Structures are given as structure tokens and as C-alpha cells.
Amino acid sequence: MNIELLSIQTLVCSIAYFFAGIVDSITGGGGLITLAVMLTAGIPVHNIIATNQCAAFIGTGVGAYKFLRSGKIHRSSALITLPFAVIGSYCGARLNLLVPDYFLKVFLLVAVPIIAVFVITNKSLGEVDRIDEQSGLSIAVWSAAIGLVLGGYQGFYGAGSGVFFMIAYAALLKLDLVRATGNTRFVLAVASITSVITYTASGAVIWAIALPSAVLYSLGSYLGATLAIKKGAGFIRPVMICVVILLIVKLVYDIV
């Protein structure tokens, strides 16, 4: 591999991962940034997903730890979601081998704008934490459903899965946006261990890019988590809307 080209790719990707880390810890969706930059940098497609997963893994854990230390994770719902997210992710990945993802993209192109309208018009979404108003059974059922459905989406397609987890936690479990983000960071951090091990064993990870990117992503993730915790829902909401719009743009680009 050309050393000069690799150095340029590493620098560009590391900077992208810093900003992706900030976005991911605030609302999710940082992968929309990193994947686009890595493609533009000329990195082979079969190396991108593997490198991205390993580079983001540590930073996701850093963000989750920050939320956990600050008490901004609803532990019981997150722990219930986790095993179902792993099962869903596996099923989604298997389904991806059988069904072209084009059909999911078309469905999402209809569904995501509806979600965007819901988020924009429902201005009280995630403003106040009301999960204590729900029964233990309701929390368990919704947590399992979130893990299974969105874990399946993550395994099948993945783009924007973080923001979908966050919206689901806020809309279905009535968590405020800060704790919804904390739950999302925790679930994604732990659930991604299996995929990281798999990609590492595959030999497809470009470690010269993954390692420095992981450091910058971790810094960005810590900064993003700090901002989300301090600023609250009023800060998270506009970032979330921007990520949803960015996802719509990506879907249109992928389909066209």
C-alpha cells in the first residue's frame, strides 16, 4: 500500500471520527459521516465496515461510560434491550444475505420522513423523563421490542441506527433525550463486541487508520457526551433532526 496515500487517509479519517464521535454521543448517526468520508478517501468498500466498527468501538464505550458515571442510563431497560438487540442484529445480518437491501431503503425513504415530521411536530418528545409512570411489564416489553426490531435494523442496514434507538426510547419508554441517548450508547457499545471480534478475525481492518481514528473518536465521544449531559434535550433535539435529514439524503443517494 502507498505509504503517503495511507497517511493522508489516516489524517482525513481521524478528523472525521472526532466529529463523528461528538455527533454519536449526542444523538447517534456519526457513521453517516465516517462512512462517507472513508468512501471519498478511496478506501476499499470491503475494508470500510470492518475498520469503522473497530475504530468506533472504543469511543462508543467511552461515551457509554460517561453517561453511566453521570447516572444518565436507565439500567433495567438498557439491560433488557441488550440481549434482544444482539439477537435482532444477528437475524438482520442473516436476512441481509437473503434479501436485497434496496427494498429496505425504499421502505425507509417513506418511513424516515414520517419519523422526521413526528420528531419536529412533537416538541415535547424527550423533554421530561416519565418512565416511572410505566409498569415494570410495559418497560420490559417495550425494551425487548426496541432491541429486537432496531437490533435487526442495525444488522440489516445500520445507517442511523443510533438515532432510531434514541427516538424509540424517548417515544415508547418516555425517557428524556439525555437518558435515551445514554441507553443507546450503552446498548450499542456492548452489542458491538461480537461484530468487532468477527471483523478483527477477518483481517479486513486497516489498523493504521482504525487506531488513530479510535483515539480521536474517543475524544469526540467524551466531548459529545459531556455536552449532551450539560445542555439537555434542548441541545440534543436539533442535532437529532439534522441527523434524520442527513439519513434521508443518504437514502436518496443510495437508491438513485
C-alpha atoms as a PDB file:
ATOM      1  CA  MET A   1       0.000   0.000   0.000  1.00  0.00           C
ATOM      2  CA  ASN A   2       1.190   3.527  -0.823  1.00  0.00           C
ATOM      3  CA  ILE A   3       2.507   4.951   2.476  1.00  0.00           C
ATOM      4  CA  GLU A   4       1.822   8.584   1.511  1.00  0.00           C
ATOM      5  CA  LEU A   5      -1.748   7.790   0.484  1.00  0.00           C
ATOM      6  CA  LEU A   6      -2.300   5.830   3.690  1.00  0.00           C
ATOM      7  CA  SER A   7      -1.017   8.776   5.759  1.00  0.00           C
ATOM      8  CA  ILE A   8      -3.448  11.149   4.055  1.00  0.00           C
ATOM      9  CA  GLN A   9      -6.327   8.700   4.503  1.00  0.00           C
ATOM     10  CA  THR A  10      -5.454   8.289   8.186  1.00  0.00           C
ATOM     11  CA  LEU A  11      -5.377  12.051   8.782  1.00  0.00           C
ATOM     12  CA  VAL A  12      -8.664  12.692   6.973  1.00  0.00           C
ATOM     13  CA  CYS A  13     -10.438   9.768   8.644  1.00  0.00           C
ATOM     14  CA  SER A  14      -9.168  10.658  12.120  1.00  0.00           C
ATOM     15  CA  ILE A  15     -10.549  14.191  11.827  1.00  0.00           C
ATOM     16  CA  ALA A  16     -13.870  12.791  10.577  1.00  0.00           C
ATOM     17  CA  TYR A  17     -14.004  10.378  13.504  1.00  0.00           C
ATOM     18  CA  PHE A  18     -13.508  13.189  16.001  1.00  0.00           C
ATOM     19  CA  PHE A  19     -16.624  14.979  14.757  1.00  0.00           C
ATOM     20  CA  ALA A  20     -18.490  11.677  14.346  1.00  0.00           C
ATOM     21  CA  GLY A  21     -17.732  10.888  17.977  1.00  0.00           C
ATOM     22  CA  ILE A  22     -19.323  14.168  19.045  1.00  0.00           C
ATOM     23  CA  VAL A  23     -22.446  13.544  16.954  1.00  0.00           C
ATOM     24  CA  ASP A  24     -22.735   9.914  18.036  1.00  0.00           C
ATOM     25  CA  SER A  25     -22.665  10.723  21.738  1.00  0.00           C
ATOM     26  CA  ILE A  26     -25.254  13.462  21.320  1.00  0.00           C
ATOM     27  CA  THR A  27     -27.764  11.681  19.149  1.00  0.00           C
ATOM     28  CA  GLY A  28     -26.235   8.851  17.105  1.00  0.00           C
ATOM     29  CA  GLY A  29     -25.649   8.830  13.353  1.00  0.00           C
ATOM     30  CA  GLY A  30     -21.919   9.524  13.315  1.00  0.00           C
ATOM     31  CA  GLY A  31     -21.470   6.613  10.938  1.00  0.00           C
ATOM     32  CA  LEU A  32     -23.148   8.683   8.231  1.00  0.00           C
ATOM     33  CA  ILE A  33     -20.122  10.982   8.458  1.00  0.00           C
ATOM     34  CA  THR A  34     -17.346   8.399   8.725  1.00  0.00           C
ATOM     35  CA  LEU A  35     -18.610   6.070   6.005  1.00  0.00           C
ATOM     36  CA  ALA A  36     -18.999   8.950   3.536  1.00  0.00           C
ATOM     37  CA  VAL A  37     -15.504  10.266   4.300  1.00  0.00           C
ATOM     38  CA  MET A  38     -13.916   6.820   4.038  1.00  0.00           C
ATOM     39  CA  LEU A  39     -15.556   6.229   0.661  1.00  0.00           C
ATOM     40  CA  THR A  40     -14.376   9.638  -0.550  1.00  0.00           C
ATOM     41  CA  ALA A  41     -10.845   8.858   0.696  1.00  0.00           C
ATOM     42  CA  GLY A  42     -10.729   5.886  -1.648  1.00  0.00           C
ATOM     43  CA  ILE A  43     -10.697   3.116   0.950  1.00  0.00           C
ATOM     44  CA  PRO A  44     -11.926  -0.223  -0.476  1.00  0.00           C
ATOM     45  CA  VAL A  45     -15.529  -0.912   0.430  1.00  0.00           C
ATOM     46  CA  HIS A  46     -14.793  -4.324   1.981  1.00  0.00           C
ATOM     47  CA  ASN A  47     -12.362  -2.637   4.402  1.00  0.00           C
ATOM     48  CA  ILE A  48     -14.635   0.251   5.369  1.00  0.00           C
ATOM     49  CA  ILE A  49     -17.220  -1.532   7.514  1.00  0.00           C
ATOM     50  CA  ALA A  50     -14.602  -3.583   9.371  1.00  0.00           C
ATOM     51  CA  THR A  51     -12.363  -0.575  10.029  1.00  0.00           C
ATOM     52  CA  ASN A  52     -15.318   1.609  11.007  1.00  0.00           C
ATOM     53  CA  GLN A  53     -16.650  -0.919  13.528  1.00  0.00           C
ATOM     54  CA  CYS A  54     -13.289  -1.323  15.254  1.00  0.00           C
ATOM     55  CA  ALA A  55     -12.445   2.392  15.232  1.00  0.00           C
ATOM     56  CA  ALA A  56     -15.802   3.351  16.731  1.00  0.00           C
ATOM     57  CA  PHE A  57     -15.941   0.583  19.335  1.00  0.00           C
ATOM     58  CA  ILE A  58     -13.673   2.165  21.963  1.00  0.00           C
ATOM     59  CA  GLY A  59     -15.203   5.616  21.535  1.00  0.00           C
ATOM     60  CA  THR A  60     -18.715   4.247  21.906  1.00  0.00           C
ATOM     61  CA  GLY A  61     -17.613   2.663  25.168  1.00  0.00           C
ATOM     62  CA  VAL A  62     -16.133   5.977  26.346  1.00  0.00           C
ATOM     63  CA  GLY A  63     -19.428   7.743  25.666  1.00  0.00           C
ATOM     64  CA  ALA A  64     -21.386   4.995  27.420  1.00  0.00           C
ATOM     65  CA  TYR A  65     -19.075   5.204  30.446  1.00  0.00           C
ATOM     66  CA  LYS A  66     -19.574   8.972  30.659  1.00  0.00           C
ATOM     67  CA  PHE A  67     -23.369   8.577  30.648  1.00  0.00           C
ATOM     68  CA  LEU A  68     -23.160   5.728  33.163  1.00  0.00           C
ATOM     69  CA  ARG A  69     -20.960   7.731  35.549  1.00  0.00           C
ATOM     70  CA  SER A  70     -23.403  10.629  35.332  1.00  0.00           C
ATOM     71  CA  GLY A  71     -26.400   8.422  36.136  1.00  0.00           C
ATOM     72  CA  LYS A  72     -27.949   9.119  32.733  1.00  0.00           C
ATOM     73  CA  ILE A  73     -28.684   5.496  31.824  1.00  0.00           C
ATOM     74  CA  HIS A  74     -31.886   3.695  32.797  1.00  0.00           C
ATOM     75  CA  ARG A  75     -30.136   0.438  33.608  1.00  0.00           C
ATOM     76  CA  SER A  76     -33.032  -2.022  33.756  1.00  0.00           C
ATOM     77  CA  SER A  77     -34.443  -1.075  30.339  1.00  0.00           C
ATOM     78  CA  ALA A  78     -30.960  -0.967  28.787  1.00  0.00           C
ATOM     79  CA  LEU A  79     -30.086  -4.413  30.159  1.00  0.00           C
ATOM     80  CA  ILE A  80     -33.359  -5.854  28.859  1.00  0.00           C
ATOM     81  CA  THR A  81     -32.783  -4.324  25.432  1.00  0.00           C
ATOM     82  CA  LEU A  82     -29.238  -5.655  25.122  1.00  0.00           C
ATOM     83  CA  PRO A  83     -29.754  -9.413  24.547  1.00  0.00           C
ATOM     84  CA  PHE A  84     -32.656  -8.755  22.179  1.00  0.00           C
ATOM     85  CA  ALA A  85     -30.506  -6.275  20.234  1.00  0.00           C
ATOM     86  CA  VAL A  86     -27.818  -8.942  19.824  1.00  0.00           C
ATOM     87  CA  ILE A  87     -30.401 -11.490  18.624  1.00  0.00           C
ATOM     88  CA  GLY A  88     -32.010  -8.941  16.311  1.00  0.00           C
ATOM     89  CA  SER A  89     -28.651  -7.880  14.897  1.00  0.00           C
ATOM     90  CA  TYR A  90     -27.740 -11.479  14.078  1.00  0.00           C
ATOM     91  CA  CYS A  91     -31.125 -12.107  12.419  1.00  0.00           C
ATOM     92  CA  GLY A  92     -30.860  -8.846  10.487  1.00  0.00           C
ATOM     93  CA  ALA A  93     -27.404  -9.749   9.194  1.00  0.00           C
ATOM     94  CA  ARG A  94     -28.636 -13.177   8.100  1.00  0.00           C
ATOM     95  CA  LEU A  95     -31.677 -11.633   6.406  1.00  0.00           C
ATOM     96  CA  ASN A  96     -29.391  -9.233   4.568  1.00  0.00           C
ATOM     97  CA  LEU A  97     -27.791 -12.227   2.845  1.00  0.00           C
ATOM     98  CA  LEU A  98     -31.188 -13.320   1.520  1.00  0.00           C
ATOM     99  CA  VAL A  99     -32.999 -10.066   0.710  1.00  0.00           C
ATOM    100  CA  PRO A 100     -31.557  -7.117  -1.266  1.00  0.00           C
ATOM    101  CA  ASP A 101     -31.266  -4.060   0.976  1.00  0.00           C
ATOM    102  CA  TYR A 102     -32.803  -1.970  -1.837  1.00  0.00           C
ATOM    103  CA  PHE A 103     -36.291  -2.875  -0.586  1.00  0.00           C
ATOM    104  CA  LEU A 104     -35.463  -1.722   2.946  1.00  0.00           C
ATOM    105  CA  LYS A 105     -34.054   1.537   1.594  1.00  0.00           C
ATOM    106  CA  VAL A 106     -37.285   2.221  -0.326  1.00  0.00           C
ATOM    107  CA  PHE A 107     -39.315   1.495   2.808  1.00  0.00           C
ATOM    108  CA  LEU A 108     -37.080   3.774   4.881  1.00  0.00           C
ATOM    109  CA  LEU A 109     -37.358   6.562   2.320  1.00  0.00           C
ATOM    110  CA  VAL A 110     -41.082   6.600   3.122  1.00  0.00           C
ATOM    111  CA  ALA A 111     -40.781   5.911   6.851  1.00  0.00           C
ATOM    112  CA  VAL A 112     -37.924   8.255   7.796  1.00  0.00           C
ATOM    113  CA  PRO A 113     -39.653  11.479   6.616  1.00  0.00           C
ATOM    114  CA  ILE A 114     -42.690  10.423   8.685  1.00  0.00           C
ATOM    115  CA  ILE A 115     -40.395   9.952  11.679  1.00  0.00           C
ATOM    116  CA  ALA A 116     -38.849  13.370  10.975  1.00  0.00           C
ATOM    117  CA  VAL A 117     -42.289  15.028  10.940  1.00  0.00           C
ATOM    118  CA  PHE A 118     -43.164  13.245  14.187  1.00  0.00           C
ATOM    119  CA  VAL A 119     -39.990  14.475  15.883  1.00  0.00           C
ATOM    120  CA  ILE A 120     -40.339  18.047  14.593  1.00  0.00           C
ATOM    121  CA  THR A 121     -44.031  18.426  15.483  1.00  0.00           C
ATOM    122  CA  ASN A 122     -43.839  16.601  18.818  1.00  0.00           C
ATOM    123  CA  LYS A 123     -41.819  19.276  20.570  1.00  0.00           C
ATOM    124  CA  SER A 124     -42.326  17.727  23.994  1.00  0.00           C
ATOM    125  CA  LEU A 125     -40.623  14.477  22.949  1.00  0.00           C
ATOM    126  CA  GLY A 126     -37.931  13.666  25.479  1.00  0.00           C
ATOM    127  CA  GLU A 127     -38.259  16.937  27.375  1.00  0.00           C
ATOM    128  CA  VAL A 128     -39.331  15.278  30.634  1.00  0.00           C
ATOM    129  CA  ASP A 129     -38.440  11.820  31.952  1.00  0.00           C
ATOM    130  CA  ARG A 130     -41.708   9.914  32.571  1.00  0.00           C
ATOM    131  CA  ILE A 131     -40.566   6.286  32.535  1.00  0.00           C
ATOM    132  CA  ASP A 132     -41.573   5.895  36.202  1.00  0.00           C
ATOM    133  CA  GLU A 133     -45.198   6.253  35.122  1.00  0.00           C
ATOM    134  CA  GLN A 134     -44.987   2.909  33.296  1.00  0.00           C
ATOM    135  CA  SER A 135     -45.347  -0.552  34.804  1.00  0.00           C
ATOM    136  CA  GLY A 136     -42.431  -2.956  35.006  1.00  0.00           C
ATOM    137  CA  LEU A 137     -44.116  -5.209  32.439  1.00  0.00           C
ATOM    138  CA  SER A 138     -44.575  -2.332  29.990  1.00  0.00           C
ATOM    139  CA  ILE A 139     -40.918  -1.329  30.354  1.00  0.00           C
ATOM    140  CA  ALA A 140     -39.785  -4.922  29.789  1.00  0.00           C
ATOM    141  CA  VAL A 141     -41.978  -5.427  26.693  1.00  0.00           C
ATOM    142  CA  TRP A 142     -41.016  -2.137  25.050  1.00  0.00           C
ATOM    143  CA  SER A 143     -37.323  -2.616  25.866  1.00  0.00           C
ATOM    144  CA  ALA A 144     -37.337  -6.087  24.308  1.00  0.00           C
ATOM    145  CA  ALA A 145     -39.204  -4.813  21.232  1.00  0.00           C
ATOM    146  CA  ILE A 146     -36.744  -1.942  20.753  1.00  0.00           C
ATOM    147  CA  GLY A 147     -33.813  -4.341  20.977  1.00  0.00           C
ATOM    148  CA  LEU A 148     -35.277  -6.922  18.595  1.00  0.00           C
ATOM    149  CA  VAL A 149     -36.587  -4.539  15.911  1.00  0.00           C
ATOM    150  CA  LEU A 150     -33.803  -1.959  15.914  1.00  0.00           C
ATOM    151  CA  GLY A 151     -31.129  -4.578  16.525  1.00  0.00           C
ATOM    152  CA  GLY A 152     -32.464  -6.265  13.407  1.00  0.00           C
ATOM    153  CA  TYR A 153     -32.282  -2.982  11.520  1.00  0.00           C
ATOM    154  CA  GLN A 154     -28.722  -2.413  12.673  1.00  0.00           C
ATOM    155  CA  GLY A 155     -27.674  -5.867  11.468  1.00  0.00           C
ATOM    156  CA  PHE A 156     -29.511  -5.499   8.155  1.00  0.00           C
ATOM    157  CA  TYR A 157     -28.603  -1.918   7.148  1.00  0.00           C
ATOM    158  CA  GLY A 158     -27.301   0.010  10.139  1.00  0.00           C
ATOM    159  CA  ALA A 159     -27.272   3.622   8.933  1.00  0.00           C
ATOM    160  CA  GLY A 160     -28.726   5.922  11.588  1.00  0.00           C
ATOM    161  CA  SER A 161     -29.491   3.071  13.992  1.00  0.00           C
ATOM    162  CA  GLY A 162     -28.306   5.133  16.972  1.00  0.00           C
ATOM    163  CA  VAL A 163     -30.805   7.922  16.400  1.00  0.00           C
ATOM    164  CA  PHE A 164     -33.604   5.370  15.895  1.00  0.00           C
ATOM    165  CA  PHE A 165     -32.761   3.729  19.227  1.00  0.00           C
ATOM    166  CA  MET A 166     -32.833   7.131  20.902  1.00  0.00           C
ATOM    167  CA  ILE A 167     -36.176   8.158  19.390  1.00  0.00           C
ATOM    168  CA  ALA A 168     -37.678   4.790  20.344  1.00  0.00           C
ATOM    169  CA  TYR A 169     -36.518   5.102  23.955  1.00  0.00           C
ATOM    170  CA  ALA A 170     -37.974   8.612  24.163  1.00  0.00           C
ATOM    171  CA  ALA A 171     -41.262   7.838  22.397  1.00  0.00           C
ATOM    172  CA  LEU A 172     -42.033   4.371  23.785  1.00  0.00           C
ATOM    173  CA  LEU A 173     -40.398   4.332  27.223  1.00  0.00           C
ATOM    174  CA  LYS A 174     -40.880   8.067  27.857  1.00  0.00           C
ATOM    175  CA  LEU A 175     -37.225   8.623  28.725  1.00  0.00           C
ATOM    176  CA  ASP A 176     -35.873  12.148  28.408  1.00  0.00           C
ATOM    177  CA  LEU A 177     -33.494  12.612  25.484  1.00  0.00           C
ATOM    178  CA  VAL A 178     -30.376  12.580  27.670  1.00  0.00           C
ATOM    179  CA  ARG A 179     -31.176   9.200  29.246  1.00  0.00           C
ATOM    180  CA  ALA A 180     -32.440   7.892  25.892  1.00  0.00           C
ATOM    181  CA  THR A 181     -29.037   8.771  24.435  1.00  0.00           C
ATOM    182  CA  GLY A 182     -27.280   7.160  27.409  1.00  0.00           C
ATOM    183  CA  ASN A 183     -29.243   3.935  26.943  1.00  0.00           C
ATOM    184  CA  THR A 184     -28.414   3.938  23.247  1.00  0.00           C
ATOM    185  CA  ARG A 185     -24.674   4.392  23.848  1.00  0.00           C
ATOM    186  CA  PHE A 186     -24.643   1.569  26.409  1.00  0.00           C
ATOM    187  CA  VAL A 187     -26.572  -0.926  24.269  1.00  0.00           C
ATOM    188  CA  LEU A 188     -24.581  -0.222  21.106  1.00  0.00           C
ATOM    189  CA  ALA A 189     -21.250  -0.361  22.954  1.00  0.00           C
ATOM    190  CA  VAL A 190     -21.871  -3.795  24.442  1.00  0.00           C
ATOM    191  CA  ALA A 191     -23.754  -5.243  21.455  1.00  0.00           C
ATOM    192  CA  SER A 192     -20.921  -4.362  19.056  1.00  0.00           C
ATOM    193  CA  ILE A 193     -18.366  -6.580  20.827  1.00  0.00           C
ATOM    194  CA  THR A 194     -19.328  -9.614  18.729  1.00  0.00           C
ATOM    195  CA  SER A 195     -19.005  -7.779  15.424  1.00  0.00           C
ATOM    196  CA  VAL A 196     -15.663  -6.261  16.439  1.00  0.00           C
ATOM    197  CA  ILE A 197     -14.251  -9.711  17.228  1.00  0.00           C
ATOM    198  CA  THR A 198     -15.588 -11.042  13.926  1.00  0.00           C
ATOM    199  CA  TYR A 199     -14.137  -8.209  11.842  1.00  0.00           C
ATOM    200  CA  THR A 200     -10.796  -8.369  13.648  1.00  0.00           C
ATOM    201  CA  ALA A 201     -10.505 -12.078  12.879  1.00  0.00           C
ATOM    202  CA  SER A 202     -11.390 -11.449   9.225  1.00  0.00           C
ATOM    203  CA  GLY A 203      -8.228  -9.437   8.579  1.00  0.00           C
ATOM    204  CA  ALA A 204     -10.229  -6.699   6.846  1.00  0.00           C
ATOM    205  CA  VAL A 205      -9.441  -3.981   9.415  1.00  0.00           C
ATOM    206  CA  ILE A 206      -6.912  -1.331   8.334  1.00  0.00           C
ATOM    207  CA  TRP A 207      -5.332  -0.803  11.746  1.00  0.00           C
ATOM    208  CA  ALA A 208      -3.163   2.111  10.596  1.00  0.00           C
ATOM    209  CA  ILE A 209      -6.424   4.014  10.147  1.00  0.00           C
ATOM    210  CA  ALA A 210      -8.509   2.348  12.866  1.00  0.00           C
ATOM    211  CA  LEU A 211      -6.206   3.006  15.841  1.00  0.00           C
ATOM    212  CA  PRO A 212      -5.630   6.792  15.485  1.00  0.00           C
ATOM    213  CA  SER A 213      -9.265   7.194  14.440  1.00  0.00           C
ATOM    214  CA  ALA A 214     -10.311   5.353  17.612  1.00  0.00           C
ATOM    215  CA  VAL A 215      -8.347   7.840  19.734  1.00  0.00           C
ATOM    216  CA  LEU A 216      -9.936  10.874  18.046  1.00  0.00           C
ATOM    217  CA  TYR A 217     -13.366   9.249  18.116  1.00  0.00           C
ATOM    218  CA  SER A 218     -12.989   8.643  21.860  1.00  0.00           C
ATOM    219  CA  LEU A 219     -12.130  12.299  22.455  1.00  0.00           C
ATOM    220  CA  GLY A 220     -15.094  13.416  20.375  1.00  0.00           C
ATOM    221  CA  SER A 221     -17.367  10.911  22.086  1.00  0.00           C
ATOM    222  CA  TYR A 222     -16.395  12.147  25.549  1.00  0.00           C
ATOM    223  CA  LEU A 223     -16.931  15.766  24.476  1.00  0.00           C
ATOM    224  CA  GLY A 224     -20.293  14.949  22.892  1.00  0.00           C
ATOM    225  CA  ALA A 225     -21.497  13.062  25.969  1.00  0.00           C
ATOM    226  CA  THR A 226     -20.443  15.964  28.196  1.00  0.00           C
ATOM    227  CA  LEU A 227     -22.335  18.456  26.027  1.00  0.00           C
ATOM    228  CA  ALA A 228     -25.452  16.255  25.911  1.00  0.00           C
ATOM    229  CA  ILE A 229     -25.498  15.817  29.694  1.00  0.00           C
ATOM    230  CA  LYS A 230     -24.916  19.501  30.431  1.00  0.00           C
ATOM    231  CA  LYS A 231     -27.121  21.043  27.732  1.00  0.00           C
ATOM    232  CA  GLY A 232     -30.009  18.560  27.852  1.00  0.00           C
ATOM    233  CA  ALA A 233     -32.900  17.934  25.450  1.00  0.00           C
ATOM    234  CA  GLY A 234     -32.897  21.460  24.015  1.00  0.00           C
ATOM    235  CA  PHE A 235     -29.394  20.854  22.676  1.00  0.00           C
ATOM    236  CA  ILE A 236     -29.931  17.250  21.578  1.00  0.00           C
ATOM    237  CA  ARG A 237     -33.148  17.849  19.633  1.00  0.00           C
ATOM    238  CA  PRO A 238     -31.785  19.995  16.745  1.00  0.00           C
ATOM    239  CA  VAL A 239     -28.797  17.669  16.313  1.00  0.00           C
ATOM    240  CA  MET A 240     -31.207  14.722  16.139  1.00  0.00           C
ATOM    241  CA  ILE A 241     -33.274  16.443  13.444  1.00  0.00           C
ATOM    242  CA  CYS A 242     -30.127  17.192  11.403  1.00  0.00           C
ATOM    243  CA  VAL A 243     -29.083  13.523  11.577  1.00  0.00           C
ATOM    244  CA  VAL A 244     -32.519  12.359  10.426  1.00  0.00           C
ATOM    245  CA  ILE A 245     -32.348  14.758   7.464  1.00  0.00           C
ATOM    246  CA  LEU A 246     -28.832  13.533   6.647  1.00  0.00           C
ATOM    247  CA  LEU A 247     -30.134   9.955   6.681  1.00  0.00           C
ATOM    248  CA  ILE A 248     -32.866  10.895   4.192  1.00  0.00           C
ATOM    249  CA  VAL A 249     -30.217  12.373   1.889  1.00  0.00           C
ATOM    250  CA  LYS A 250     -28.157   9.180   2.142  1.00  0.00           C
ATOM    251  CA  LEU A 251     -31.174   7.012   1.353  1.00  0.00           C
ATOM    252  CA  VAL A 252     -31.990   9.070  -1.746  1.00  0.00           C
ATOM    253  CA  TYR A 253     -28.344   8.875  -2.875  1.00  0.00           C
ATOM    254  CA  ASP A 254     -28.192   5.095  -2.329  1.00  0.00           C
ATOM    255  CA  ILE A 255     -31.413   4.451  -4.231  1.00  0.00           C
ATOM    256  CA  VAL A 256     -30.656   6.782  -7.131  1.00  0.00           C
END
